[in-house]
């Protein structure tokens, strides 16, 4: 049974993928340590294979990976929500000043502020989640006899060179570049 570990790796435009195959999950984990020591960003690394999700630390690792995405969504929503609230309040105030029918100017300003705030927050969250990159799945091809693969994706040539060297040193059964 194949399970995924570190699955938030999404390719960027022009990104290159390095794939290294290993005989067992422990070897793939050792390669992960070497990649981290080589300065490869965790967001660029994916591990696929049998038995990888059964480790106790896998849940903590996923939380660590997800934290950066969640924090980006939070800050984008907070900033753009604030901008939207100010713009919405301005729209409500302007409508009240030009004679838009209302019983209470404060309610109209607050209503427009909330409406635009919600729209801007949702737009910001979706903009962070979908940043314009194609959502292609990692390669489904699995090298013969391999039980674990380490995948590194990046458009940064120097990072890829460091990753390729670390994967070679890790004793991979085979490596491929796509």
Protein backbone atom coordinates (compact mmCIF):
# COMPACT_ATOMS: atom_id res chain seq x y z
CA UNK A 1 0.00 0.00 0.00
CA UNK A 2 1.40 3.36 -0.96
CA UNK A 3 0.86 6.36 1.26
CA UNK A 4 1.84 9.96 0.77
CA UNK A 5 3.94 11.98 3.13
CA UNK A 6 4.69 15.67 2.54
CA UNK A 7 2.10 16.12 -0.16
CA UNK A 8 1.92 19.90 -0.40
CA UNK A 9 4.58 20.13 -3.09
CA UNK A 10 3.11 21.84 -6.11
CA UNK A 11 5.10 22.56 -9.23
CA UNK A 12 5.79 26.15 -10.20
CA UNK A 13 5.97 27.40 -13.76
CA UNK A 14 9.26 26.15 -15.17
CA UNK A 15 9.93 23.90 -12.17
CA UNK A 16 12.09 20.82 -12.53
CA UNK A 17 11.34 17.58 -10.70
CA UNK A 18 14.01 15.29 -9.25
CA UNK A 19 12.94 11.78 -8.27
CA UNK A 20 15.04 9.34 -6.25
CA UNK A 21 13.94 5.80 -5.45
CA UNK A 22 14.81 3.89 -2.26
CA UNK A 23 14.38 0.33 -1.08
CA UNK A 24 12.64 1.27 2.15
CA UNK A 25 11.06 4.16 4.03
CA UNK A 26 14.03 4.50 6.41
CA UNK A 27 16.38 5.20 3.50
CA UNK A 28 13.96 7.81 2.16
CA UNK A 29 13.85 9.46 5.59
CA UNK A 30 17.66 9.54 5.69
CA UNK A 31 17.61 11.25 2.29
CA UNK A 32 15.15 13.79 3.71
CA UNK A 33 17.64 14.63 6.47
CA UNK A 34 20.43 15.05 3.91
CA UNK A 35 18.22 17.33 1.81
CA UNK A 36 17.39 19.46 4.84
CA UNK A 37 21.10 19.63 5.75
CA UNK A 38 21.82 20.77 2.18
CA UNK A 39 19.45 23.70 2.73
CA UNK A 40 16.57 22.42 0.64
CA UNK A 41 13.27 23.99 1.66
CA UNK A 42 10.76 21.52 3.15
CA UNK A 43 8.07 22.90 0.84
CA UNK A 44 10.06 21.62 -2.16
CA UNK A 45 10.31 18.03 -0.84
CA UNK A 46 7.77 15.24 -1.14
CA UNK A 47 8.13 11.64 0.04
CA UNK A 48 5.95 8.90 -1.37
CA UNK A 49 6.02 5.27 -0.34
CA UNK A 50 4.96 2.43 1.87
CA UNK A 51 5.02 2.85 5.63
CA UNK A 52 5.85 6.54 5.59
CA UNK A 53 2.62 7.71 7.19
CA UNK A 54 2.83 5.17 10.00
CA UNK A 55 5.56 7.08 11.84
CA UNK A 56 4.44 9.15 14.79
CA UNK A 57 6.34 12.18 13.53
CA UNK A 58 4.50 12.26 10.21
CA UNK A 59 1.51 14.05 11.73
CA UNK A 60 3.80 16.68 13.26
CA UNK A 61 5.62 17.10 9.94
CA UNK A 62 2.38 17.66 8.08
CA UNK A 63 1.30 20.25 10.64
CA UNK A 64 4.62 22.04 10.13
CA UNK A 65 4.16 22.04 6.37
CA UNK A 66 0.57 23.16 6.55
CA UNK A 67 1.43 25.95 8.98
CA UNK A 68 3.16 28.04 6.31
CA UNK A 69 0.18 27.79 3.95
CA UNK A 70 -2.30 28.49 6.73
CA UNK A 71 -0.31 31.51 7.91
CA UNK A 72 -0.12 32.87 4.34
CA UNK A 73 -3.90 32.52 4.04
CA UNK A 74 -4.41 34.13 7.47
CA UNK A 75 -2.21 37.17 6.77
CA UNK A 76 -3.55 37.69 3.25
CA UNK A 77 -7.12 37.51 4.59
CA UNK A 78 -6.34 39.85 7.46
CA UNK A 79 -4.62 42.46 5.31
CA UNK A 80 -7.03 42.36 2.38
CA UNK A 81 -10.02 42.08 4.72
CA UNK A 82 -8.87 45.28 6.44
CA UNK A 83 -8.41 47.02 3.09
CA UNK A 84 -11.85 45.81 2.03
CA UNK A 85 -13.46 47.10 5.23
CA UNK A 86 -11.98 50.57 4.69
CA UNK A 87 -12.99 50.60 1.01
CA UNK A 88 -16.48 49.33 1.89
CA UNK A 89 -16.90 51.99 4.58
CA UNK A 90 -15.87 54.59 2.02
CA UNK A 91 -18.44 53.27 -0.45
CA UNK A 92 -21.16 53.31 2.22
CA UNK A 93 -20.25 56.83 3.29
CA UNK A 94 -20.14 58.06 -0.32
CA UNK A 95 -23.54 56.53 -1.07
CA UNK A 96 -25.02 58.13 2.02
CA UNK A 97 -23.53 61.52 1.10
CA UNK A 98 -24.88 61.48 -2.49
CA UNK A 99 -28.39 60.75 -1.26
CA UNK A 100 -28.71 56.95 -1.48
CA UNK A 101 -31.86 56.26 0.53
CA UNK A 102 -31.05 55.07 4.05
CA UNK A 103 -32.59 55.36 7.49
CA UNK A 104 -29.26 55.32 9.29
CA UNK A 105 -25.94 56.35 7.78
CA UNK A 106 -23.92 54.35 10.35
CA UNK A 107 -25.73 51.12 9.47
CA UNK A 108 -25.17 51.71 5.75
CA UNK A 109 -21.46 52.42 6.24
CA UNK A 110 -21.06 49.35 8.49
CA UNK A 111 -23.01 47.12 6.10
CA UNK A 112 -20.90 48.12 3.10
CA UNK A 113 -17.72 47.76 5.17
CA UNK A 114 -18.69 44.19 6.17
CA UNK A 115 -19.79 43.27 2.65
CA UNK A 116 -16.56 44.40 0.95
CA UNK A 117 -14.48 43.06 3.88
CA UNK A 118 -15.92 39.56 3.37
CA UNK A 119 -15.44 39.72 -0.39
CA UNK A 120 -11.82 40.90 -0.09
CA UNK A 121 -11.01 38.26 2.54
CA UNK A 122 -12.40 35.47 0.37
CA UNK A 123 -10.61 36.79 -2.69
CA UNK A 124 -7.29 36.93 -0.78
CA UNK A 125 -7.69 33.38 0.57
CA UNK A 126 -8.44 32.00 -2.88
CA UNK A 127 -5.57 33.99 -4.39
CA UNK A 128 -3.15 32.40 -1.90
CA UNK A 129 -4.56 28.90 -2.37
CA UNK A 130 -4.47 29.14 -6.15
CA UNK A 131 -1.40 31.14 -7.10
CA UNK A 132 -1.63 30.50 -10.83
CA UNK A 133 0.40 27.30 -10.93
CA UNK A 134 -0.88 24.22 -12.73
CA UNK A 135 -2.03 21.53 -10.35
CA UNK A 136 -0.41 18.46 -11.81
CA UNK A 137 -0.03 15.35 -9.73
CA UNK A 138 3.43 14.00 -8.96
CA UNK A 139 4.63 11.34 -11.37
CA UNK A 140 2.75 8.08 -10.95
CA UNK A 141 5.63 6.08 -12.40
CA UNK A 142 7.30 4.03 -9.72
CA UNK A 143 10.73 2.54 -10.33
CA UNK A 144 10.81 -1.24 -10.33
CA UNK A 145 11.32 -2.75 -6.86
CA UNK A 146 11.20 0.61 -5.12
CA UNK A 147 9.13 1.07 -1.97
CA UNK A 148 9.81 4.78 -1.38
CA UNK A 149 10.55 7.85 -3.49
CA UNK A 150 11.82 11.30 -2.61
CA UNK A 151 10.64 14.04 -4.95
CA UNK A 152 12.14 17.53 -5.07
CA UNK A 153 10.55 20.26 -7.19
CA UNK A 154 11.99 23.71 -7.77
CA UNK A 155 12.66 26.27 -10.45
CA UNK A 156 15.84 27.34 -8.62
CA UNK A 157 18.80 25.75 -10.42
CA UNK A 158 21.18 26.07 -7.45
CA UNK A 159 18.67 24.38 -5.13
CA UNK A 160 18.23 21.57 -7.65
CA UNK A 161 21.99 21.09 -7.92
CA UNK A 162 22.30 20.84 -4.11
CA UNK A 163 19.33 18.46 -4.01
CA UNK A 164 20.75 16.27 -6.77
CA UNK A 165 24.07 16.02 -4.95
CA UNK A 166 22.35 15.17 -1.64
CA UNK A 167 20.20 12.52 -3.34
CA UNK A 168 23.29 10.98 -4.96
CA UNK A 169 25.06 10.87 -1.58
CA UNK A 170 22.02 9.31 0.09
CA UNK A 171 22.43 6.00 -1.73
CA UNK A 172 19.34 6.16 -3.90
CA UNK A 173 18.65 3.14 -6.10
CA UNK A 174 18.09 5.50 -8.98
CA UNK A 175 17.43 9.14 -9.77
CA UNK A 176 15.59 10.84 -12.59
CA UNK A 177 14.99 14.42 -13.66
CA UNK A 178 11.89 15.68 -15.44
